[in-house]
Amino acid sequence: MGDMKEYFDDMNYHKKQLAAKRLDEFDPTDWTSHTSYHYSRQIDGTRLDYYPTTNTCLWKGKTIKPAKPFIQKLLENHPTT
């Protein structure tokens, strides 16, 4: 199992580095912070939950991934409150 362990260790290291990078790039301005990994805001009267480390969001009961393009489009088309 030596080779597989090294493979999975490398994969997990890469995932953690990617999550840390996403968290560093995220600008929490205009977002409500629930934890350091969970943010939300109201858009057009509906709550949008965003998890920057996994680039996932919840909108109207649906999980959306990747979230960044969806959120950008949503903010362009809907007023924030």
PDB file of N, CA and C in Angstrom:
ATOM      1  N   MET A   1       0.818  -1.193   0.000  1.00  0.00           N
ATOM      2  CA  MET A   1       0.000   0.000   0.000  1.00  0.00           C
ATOM      3  C   MET A   1       0.860   1.255   0.000  1.00  0.00           C
ATOM      4  N   GLY A   2       2.148   1.130  -0.047  1.00  0.00           N
ATOM      5  CA  GLY A   2       3.040   2.279   0.017  1.00  0.00           C
ATOM      6  C   GLY A   2       2.789   3.296  -1.081  1.00  0.00           C
ATOM      7  N   ASP A   3       2.647   2.841  -2.325  1.00  0.00           N
ATOM      8  CA  ASP A   3       2.433   3.772  -3.430  1.00  0.00           C
ATOM      9  C   ASP A   3       1.087   4.476  -3.321  1.00  0.00           C
ATOM     10  N   MET A   4       0.063   3.760  -2.954  1.00  0.00           N
ATOM     11  CA  MET A   4      -1.272   4.367  -2.839  1.00  0.00           C
ATOM     12  C   MET A   4      -1.309   5.392  -1.709  1.00  0.00           C
ATOM     13  N   LYS A   5      -0.643   5.093  -0.599  1.00  0.00           N
ATOM     14  CA  LYS A   5      -0.621   6.035   0.516  1.00  0.00           C
ATOM     15  C   LYS A   5       0.037   7.345   0.094  1.00  0.00           C
ATOM     16  N   GLU A   6       1.138   7.250  -0.631  1.00  0.00           N
ATOM     17  CA  GLU A   6       1.807   8.459  -1.105  1.00  0.00           C
ATOM     18  C   GLU A   6       0.906   9.241  -2.051  1.00  0.00           C
ATOM     19  N   TYR A   7       0.203   8.531  -2.921  1.00  0.00           N
ATOM     20  CA  TYR A   7      -0.720   9.177  -3.852  1.00  0.00           C
ATOM     21  C   TYR A   7      -1.815   9.933  -3.099  1.00  0.00           C
ATOM     22  N   PHE A   8      -2.447   9.276  -2.125  1.00  0.00           N
ATOM     23  CA  PHE A   8      -3.525   9.919  -1.385  1.00  0.00           C
ATOM     24  C   PHE A   8      -3.016  11.049  -0.490  1.00  0.00           C
ATOM     25  N   ASP A   9      -1.830  10.893   0.062  1.00  0.00           N
ATOM     26  CA  ASP A   9      -1.237  11.984   0.840  1.00  0.00           C
ATOM     27  C   ASP A   9      -1.006  13.209  -0.041  1.00  0.00           C
ATOM     28  N   ASP A  10      -0.493  12.990  -1.249  1.00  0.00           N
ATOM     29  CA  ASP A  10      -0.288  14.097  -2.191  1.00  0.00           C
ATOM     30  C   ASP A  10      -1.608  14.741  -2.593  1.00  0.00           C
ATOM     31  N   MET A  11      -2.607  13.902  -2.845  1.00  0.00           N
ATOM     32  CA  MET A  11      -3.918  14.417  -3.234  1.00  0.00           C
ATOM     33  C   MET A  11      -4.524  15.258  -2.104  1.00  0.00           C
ATOM     34  N   ASN A  12      -4.460  14.773  -0.872  1.00  0.00           N
ATOM     35  CA  ASN A  12      -5.004  15.521   0.254  1.00  0.00           C
ATOM     36  C   ASN A  12      -4.244  16.815   0.484  1.00  0.00           C
ATOM     37  N   TYR A  13      -2.932  16.809   0.306  1.00  0.00           N
ATOM     38  CA  TYR A  13      -2.134  18.019   0.436  1.00  0.00           C
ATOM     39  C   TYR A  13      -2.575  19.046  -0.612  1.00  0.00           C
ATOM     40  N   HIS A  14      -2.757  18.598  -1.837  1.00  0.00           N
ATOM     41  CA  HIS A  14      -3.196  19.500  -2.909  1.00  0.00           C
ATOM     42  C   HIS A  14      -4.578  20.084  -2.607  1.00  0.00           C
ATOM     43  N   LYS A  15      -5.503  19.265  -2.115  1.00  0.00           N
ATOM     44  CA  LYS A  15      -6.847  19.745  -1.773  1.00  0.00           C
ATOM     45  C   LYS A  15      -6.791  20.816  -0.689  1.00  0.00           C
ATOM     46  N   LYS A  16      -5.961  20.603   0.327  1.00  0.00           N
ATOM     47  CA  LYS A  16      -5.839  21.580   1.404  1.00  0.00           C
ATOM     48  C   LYS A  16      -5.227  22.878   0.902  1.00  0.00           C
ATOM     49  N   GLN A  17      -4.253  22.781   0.018  1.00  0.00           N
ATOM     50  CA  GLN A  17      -3.637  23.981  -0.546  1.00  0.00           C
ATOM     51  C   GLN A  17      -4.642  24.753  -1.397  1.00  0.00           C
ATOM     52  N   LEU A  18      -5.444  24.048  -2.168  1.00  0.00           N
ATOM     53  CA  LEU A  18      -6.454  24.687  -3.006  1.00  0.00           C
ATOM     54  C   LEU A  18      -7.519  25.367  -2.146  1.00  0.00           C
ATOM     55  N   ALA A  19      -7.957  24.706  -1.075  1.00  0.00           N
ATOM     56  CA  ALA A  19      -8.951  25.293  -0.177  1.00  0.00           C
ATOM     57  C   ALA A  19      -8.397  26.540   0.492  1.00  0.00           C
ATOM     58  N   ALA A  20      -7.155  26.512   0.908  1.00  0.00           N
ATOM     59  CA  ALA A  20      -6.533  27.683   1.537  1.00  0.00           C
ATOM     60  C   ALA A  20      -6.418  28.835   0.542  1.00  0.00           C
ATOM     61  N   LYS A  21      -6.097  28.526  -0.710  1.00  0.00           N
ATOM     62  CA  LYS A  21      -5.994  29.551  -1.746  1.00  0.00           C
ATOM     63  C   LYS A  21      -7.361  30.195  -2.001  1.00  0.00           C
ATOM     64  N   ARG A  22      -8.404  29.374  -2.095  1.00  0.00           N
ATOM     65  CA  ARG A  22      -9.752  29.909  -2.316  1.00  0.00           C
ATOM     66  C   ARG A  22     -10.189  30.803  -1.165  1.00  0.00           C
ATOM     67  N   LEU A  23      -9.859  30.403   0.059  1.00  0.00           N
ATOM     68  CA  LEU A  23     -10.230  31.188   1.228  1.00  0.00           C
ATOM     69  C   LEU A  23      -9.478  32.517   1.245  1.00  0.00           C
ATOM     70  N   ASP A  24      -8.208  32.511   0.857  1.00  0.00           N
ATOM     71  CA  ASP A  24      -7.421  33.748   0.795  1.00  0.00           C
ATOM     72  C   ASP A  24      -7.941  34.695  -0.276  1.00  0.00           C
ATOM     73  N   GLU A  25      -8.414  34.164  -1.396  1.00  0.00           N
ATOM     74  CA  GLU A  25      -8.893  34.987  -2.504  1.00  0.00           C
ATOM     75  C   GLU A  25     -10.290  35.556  -2.259  1.00  0.00           C
ATOM     76  N   PHE A  26     -11.031  34.976  -1.338  1.00  0.00           N
ATOM     77  CA  PHE A  26     -12.412  35.395  -1.088  1.00  0.00           C
ATOM     78  C   PHE A  26     -12.447  36.743  -0.364  1.00  0.00           C
ATOM     79  N   ASP A  27     -13.272  37.663  -0.866  1.00  0.00           N
ATOM     80  CA  ASP A  27     -13.457  38.972  -0.240  1.00  0.00           C
ATOM     81  C   ASP A  27     -14.783  38.950   0.520  1.00  0.00           C
ATOM     82  N   PRO A  28     -14.752  38.954   1.854  1.00  0.00           N
ATOM     83  CA  PRO A  28     -15.986  38.830   2.631  1.00  0.00           C
ATOM     84  C   PRO A  28     -16.799  40.120   2.761  1.00  0.00           C
ATOM     85  N   THR A  29     -16.424  41.170   2.031  1.00  0.00           N
ATOM     86  CA  THR A  29     -17.184  42.417   2.062  1.00  0.00           C
ATOM     87  C   THR A  29     -18.614  42.158   1.601  1.00  0.00           C
ATOM     88  N   ASP A  30     -19.575  42.676   2.320  1.00  0.00           N
ATOM     89  CA  ASP A  30     -21.012  42.529   2.040  1.00  0.00           C
ATOM     90  C   ASP A  30     -21.547  41.119   2.328  1.00  0.00           C
ATOM     91  N   TRP A  31     -20.758  40.266   2.956  1.00  0.00           N
ATOM     92  CA  TRP A  31     -21.189  38.925   3.317  1.00  0.00           C
ATOM     93  C   TRP A  31     -21.295  38.821   4.835  1.00  0.00           C
ATOM     94  N   THR A  32     -22.254  38.056   5.327  1.00  0.00           N
ATOM     95  CA  THR A  32     -22.374  37.756   6.750  1.00  0.00           C
ATOM     96  C   THR A  32     -21.557  36.506   7.032  1.00  0.00           C
ATOM     97  N   SER A  33     -20.648  36.593   8.001  1.00  0.00           N
ATOM     98  CA  SER A  33     -19.797  35.461   8.332  1.00  0.00           C
ATOM     99  C   SER A  33     -20.447  34.623   9.430  1.00  0.00           C
ATOM    100  N   HIS A  34     -20.657  33.354   9.162  1.00  0.00           N
ATOM    101  CA  HIS A  34     -21.191  32.435  10.164  1.00  0.00           C
ATOM    102  C   HIS A  34     -20.039  31.663  10.811  1.00  0.00           C
ATOM    103  N   THR A  35     -19.098  31.224  10.008  1.00  0.00           N
ATOM    104  CA  THR A  35     -17.834  30.639  10.465  1.00  0.00           C
ATOM    105  C   THR A  35     -16.782  31.142   9.485  1.00  0.00           C
ATOM    106  N   SER A  36     -15.546  30.750   9.680  1.00  0.00           N
ATOM    107  CA  SER A  36     -14.513  31.193   8.736  1.00  0.00           C
ATOM    108  C   SER A  36     -14.617  30.466   7.393  1.00  0.00           C
ATOM    109  N   TYR A  37     -15.529  29.494   7.294  1.00  0.00           N
ATOM    110  CA  TYR A  37     -15.719  28.733   6.055  1.00  0.00           C
ATOM    111  C   TYR A  37     -17.127  28.865   5.476  1.00  0.00           C
ATOM    112  N   HIS A  38     -18.000  29.629   6.122  1.00  0.00           N
ATOM    113  CA  HIS A  38     -19.395  29.721   5.704  1.00  0.00           C
ATOM    114  C   HIS A  38     -19.847  31.174   5.760  1.00  0.00           C
ATOM    115  N   TYR A  39     -20.335  31.679   4.618  1.00  0.00           N
ATOM    116  CA  TYR A  39     -20.795  33.058   4.503  1.00  0.00           C
ATOM    117  C   TYR A  39     -22.168  33.054   3.840  1.00  0.00           C
ATOM    118  N   SER A  40     -22.925  34.127   4.079  1.00  0.00           N
ATOM    119  CA  SER A  40     -24.225  34.242   3.416  1.00  0.00           C
ATOM    120  C   SER A  40     -24.531  35.704   3.149  1.00  0.00           C
ATOM    121  N   ARG A  41     -25.496  35.912   2.270  1.00  0.00           N
ATOM    122  CA  ARG A  41     -26.012  37.254   1.989  1.00  0.00           C
ATOM    123  C   ARG A  41     -27.394  37.116   1.378  1.00  0.00           C
ATOM    124  N   GLN A  42     -28.149  38.192   1.419  1.00  0.00           N
ATOM    125  CA  GLN A  42     -29.482  38.232   0.839  1.00  0.00           C
ATOM    126  C   GLN A  42     -29.389  38.791  -0.573  1.00  0.00           C
ATOM    127  N   ILE A  43     -29.926  38.078  -1.516  1.00  0.00           N
ATOM    128  CA  ILE A  43     -29.991  38.545  -2.900  1.00  0.00           C
ATOM    129  C   ILE A  43     -31.421  38.392  -3.370  1.00  0.00           C
ATOM    130  N   ASP A  44     -32.010  39.510  -3.720  1.00  0.00           N
ATOM    131  CA  ASP A  44     -33.396  39.532  -4.202  1.00  0.00           C
ATOM    132  C   ASP A  44     -34.340  38.858  -3.197  1.00  0.00           C
ATOM    133  N   GLY A  45     -34.074  39.071  -1.890  1.00  0.00           N
ATOM    134  CA  GLY A  45     -34.926  38.532  -0.835  1.00  0.00           C
ATOM    135  C   GLY A  45     -34.714  37.066  -0.518  1.00  0.00           C
ATOM    136  N   THR A  46     -33.733  36.428  -1.143  1.00  0.00           N
ATOM    137  CA  THR A  46     -33.450  35.013  -0.911  1.00  0.00           C
ATOM    138  C   THR A  46     -32.029  34.869  -0.387  1.00  0.00           C
ATOM    139  N   ARG A  47     -31.861  33.971   0.569  1.00  0.00           N
ATOM    140  CA  ARG A  47     -30.537  33.768   1.161  1.00  0.00           C
ATOM    141  C   ARG A  47     -29.651  32.930   0.239  1.00  0.00           C
ATOM    142  N   LEU A  48     -28.423  33.397   0.090  1.00  0.00           N
ATOM    143  CA  LEU A  48     -27.404  32.671  -0.660  1.00  0.00           C
ATOM    144  C   LEU A  48     -26.302  32.298   0.321  1.00  0.00           C
ATOM    145  N   ASP A  49     -26.080  31.009   0.504  1.00  0.00           N
ATOM    146  CA  ASP A  49     -24.996  30.511   1.354  1.00  0.00           C
ATOM    147  C   ASP A  49     -23.810  30.167   0.470  1.00  0.00           C
ATOM    148  N   TYR A  50     -22.615  30.560   0.926  1.00  0.00           N
ATOM    149  CA  TYR A  50     -21.407  30.323   0.137  1.00  0.00           C
ATOM    150  C   TYR A  50     -20.315  29.725   1.019  1.00  0.00           C
ATOM    151  N   TYR A  51     -19.670  28.700   0.498  1.00  0.00           N
ATOM    152  CA  TYR A  51     -18.566  28.021   1.169  1.00  0.00           C
ATOM    153  C   TYR A  51     -17.339  28.161   0.274  1.00  0.00           C
ATOM    154  N   PRO A  52     -16.498  29.176   0.528  1.00  0.00           N
ATOM    155  CA  PRO A  52     -15.393  29.444  -0.396  1.00  0.00           C
ATOM    156  C   PRO A  52     -14.347  28.334  -0.488  1.00  0.00           C
ATOM    157  N   THR A  53     -14.130  27.576   0.572  1.00  0.00           N
ATOM    158  CA  THR A  53     -13.090  26.546   0.507  1.00  0.00           C
ATOM    159  C   THR A  53     -13.440  25.434  -0.476  1.00  0.00           C
ATOM    160  N   THR A  54     -14.731  25.158  -0.642  1.00  0.00           N
ATOM    161  CA  THR A  54     -15.147  24.126  -1.597  1.00  0.00           C
ATOM    162  C   THR A  54     -15.747  24.727  -2.868  1.00  0.00           C
ATOM    163  N   ASN A  55     -15.842  26.072  -2.921  1.00  0.00           N
ATOM    164  CA  ASN A  55     -16.426  26.777  -4.064  1.00  0.00           C
ATOM    165  C   ASN A  55     -17.840  26.266  -4.346  1.00  0.00           C
ATOM    166  N   THR A  56     -18.620  26.150  -3.274  1.00  0.00           N
ATOM    167  CA  THR A  56     -19.982  25.643  -3.352  1.00  0.00           C
ATOM    168  C   THR A  56     -20.928  26.675  -2.773  1.00  0.00           C
ATOM    169  N   CYS A  57     -22.119  26.780  -3.336  1.00  0.00           N
ATOM    170  CA  CYS A  57     -23.134  27.647  -2.750  1.00  0.00           C
ATOM    171  C   CYS A  57     -24.484  26.934  -2.734  1.00  0.00           C
ATOM    172  N   LEU A  58     -25.344  27.406  -1.862  1.00  0.00           N
ATOM    173  CA  LEU A  58     -26.717  26.921  -1.775  1.00  0.00           C
ATOM    174  C   LEU A  58     -27.637  28.072  -2.120  1.00  0.00           C
ATOM    175  N   TRP A  59     -28.504  27.854  -3.095  1.00  0.00           N
ATOM    176  CA  TRP A  59     -29.421  28.889  -3.556  1.00  0.00           C
ATOM    177  C   TRP A  59     -30.773  28.249  -3.825  1.00  0.00           C
ATOM    178  N   LYS A  60     -31.773  28.696  -3.090  1.00  0.00           N
ATOM    179  CA  LYS A  60     -33.143  28.200  -3.240  1.00  0.00           C
ATOM    180  C   LYS A  60     -33.208  26.672  -3.132  1.00  0.00           C
ATOM    181  N   GLY A  61     -32.478  26.129  -2.165  1.00  0.00           N
ATOM    182  CA  GLY A  61     -32.514  24.694  -1.905  1.00  0.00           C
ATOM    183  C   GLY A  61     -31.665  23.838  -2.825  1.00  0.00           C
ATOM    184  N   LYS A  62     -30.903  24.461  -3.711  1.00  0.00           N
ATOM    185  CA  LYS A  62     -30.067  23.695  -4.637  1.00  0.00           C
ATOM    186  C   LYS A  62     -28.594  23.973  -4.378  1.00  0.00           C
ATOM    187  N   THR A  63     -27.791  22.938  -4.492  1.00  0.00           N
ATOM    188  CA  THR A  63     -26.350  23.065  -4.360  1.00  0.00           C
ATOM    189  C   THR A  63     -25.764  23.361  -5.727  1.00  0.00           C
ATOM    190  N   ILE A  64     -24.938  24.403  -5.794  1.00  0.00           N
ATOM    191  CA  ILE A  64     -24.357  24.811  -7.062  1.00  0.00           C
ATOM    192  C   ILE A  64     -22.838  24.804  -6.933  1.00  0.00           C
ATOM    193  N   LYS A  65     -22.211  24.117  -7.883  1.00  0.00           N
ATOM    194  CA  LYS A  65     -20.760  24.043  -7.899  1.00  0.00           C
ATOM    195  C   LYS A  65     -20.312  23.976  -9.342  1.00  0.00           C
ATOM    196  N   PRO A  66     -19.421  24.797  -9.801  1.00  0.00           N
ATOM    197  CA  PRO A  66     -18.660  25.821  -9.116  1.00  0.00           C
ATOM    198  C   PRO A  66     -19.508  27.066  -8.868  1.00  0.00           C
ATOM    199  N   ALA A  67     -19.294  27.679  -7.740  1.00  0.00           N
ATOM    200  CA  ALA A  67     -20.144  28.770  -7.294  1.00  0.00           C
ATOM    201  C   ALA A  67     -19.730  30.134  -7.824  1.00  0.00           C
ATOM    202  N   LYS A  68     -18.452  30.363  -8.056  1.00  0.00           N
ATOM    203  CA  LYS A  68     -17.991  31.705  -8.437  1.00  0.00           C
ATOM    204  C   LYS A  68     -18.704  32.264  -9.665  1.00  0.00           C
ATOM    205  N   PRO A  69     -18.758  31.547 -10.796  1.00  0.00           N
ATOM    206  CA  PRO A  69     -19.444  32.110 -11.964  1.00  0.00           C
ATOM    207  C   PRO A  69     -20.940  32.335 -11.701  1.00  0.00           C
ATOM    208  N   PHE A  70     -21.558  31.430 -10.944  1.00  0.00           N
ATOM    209  CA  PHE A  70     -22.978  31.574 -10.624  1.00  0.00           C
ATOM    210  C   PHE A  70     -23.212  32.825  -9.788  1.00  0.00           C
ATOM    211  N   ILE A  71     -22.387  33.047  -8.770  1.00  0.00           N
ATOM    212  CA  ILE A  71     -22.550  34.211  -7.896  1.00  0.00           C
ATOM    213  C   ILE A  71     -22.312  35.503  -8.674  1.00  0.00           C
ATOM    214  N   GLN A  72     -21.294  35.521  -9.527  1.00  0.00           N
ATOM    215  CA  GLN A  72     -21.028  36.722 -10.321  1.00  0.00           C
ATOM    216  C   GLN A  72     -22.216  37.061 -11.214  1.00  0.00           C
ATOM    217  N   LYS A  73     -22.785  36.070 -11.866  1.00  0.00           N
ATOM    218  CA  LYS A  73     -23.937  36.294 -12.734  1.00  0.00           C
ATOM    219  C   LYS A  73     -25.146  36.742 -11.921  1.00  0.00           C
ATOM    220  N   LEU A  74     -25.336  36.122 -10.758  1.00  0.00           N
ATOM    221  CA  LEU A  74     -26.452  36.466  -9.885  1.00  0.00           C
ATOM    222  C   LEU A  74     -26.357  37.911  -9.412  1.00  0.00           C
ATOM    223  N   LEU A  75     -25.164  38.339  -9.010  1.00  0.00           N
ATOM    224  CA  LEU A  75     -24.982  39.711  -8.534  1.00  0.00           C
ATOM    225  C   LEU A  75     -25.151  40.738  -9.646  1.00  0.00           C
ATOM    226  N   GLU A  76     -24.826  40.368 -10.862  1.00  0.00           N
ATOM    227  CA  GLU A  76     -25.018  41.277 -12.002  1.00  0.00           C
ATOM    228  C   GLU A  76     -26.506  41.474 -12.305  1.00  0.00           C
ATOM    229  N   ASN A  77     -27.308  40.427 -12.110  1.00  0.00           N
ATOM    230  CA  ASN A  77     -28.709  40.458 -12.527  1.00  0.00           C
ATOM    231  C   ASN A  77     -29.712  40.769 -11.428  1.00  0.00           C
ATOM    232  N   HIS A  78     -29.289  40.724 -10.153  1.00  0.00           N
ATOM    233  CA  HIS A  78     -30.228  40.933  -9.052  1.00  0.00           C
ATOM    234  C   HIS A  78     -29.696  41.973  -8.076  1.00  0.00           C
ATOM    235  N   PRO A  79     -30.569  42.815  -7.579  1.00  0.00           N
ATOM    236  CA  PRO A  79     -30.127  43.782  -6.567  1.00  0.00           C
ATOM    237  C   PRO A  79     -29.885  43.075  -5.230  1.00  0.00           C
ATOM    238  N   THR A  80     -28.927  43.571  -4.465  1.00  0.00           N
ATOM    239  CA  THR A  80     -28.660  43.006  -3.150  1.00  0.00           C
ATOM    240  C   THR A  80     -29.356  43.839  -2.099  1.00  0.00           C
ATOM    241  N   THR A  81     -29.771  43.166  -1.029  1.00  0.00           N
ATOM    242  CA  THR A  81     -30.417  43.873   0.079  1.00  0.00           C
ATOM    243  C   THR A  81     -29.785  43.479   1.374  1.00  0.00           C
TER     244      THR A  81
END
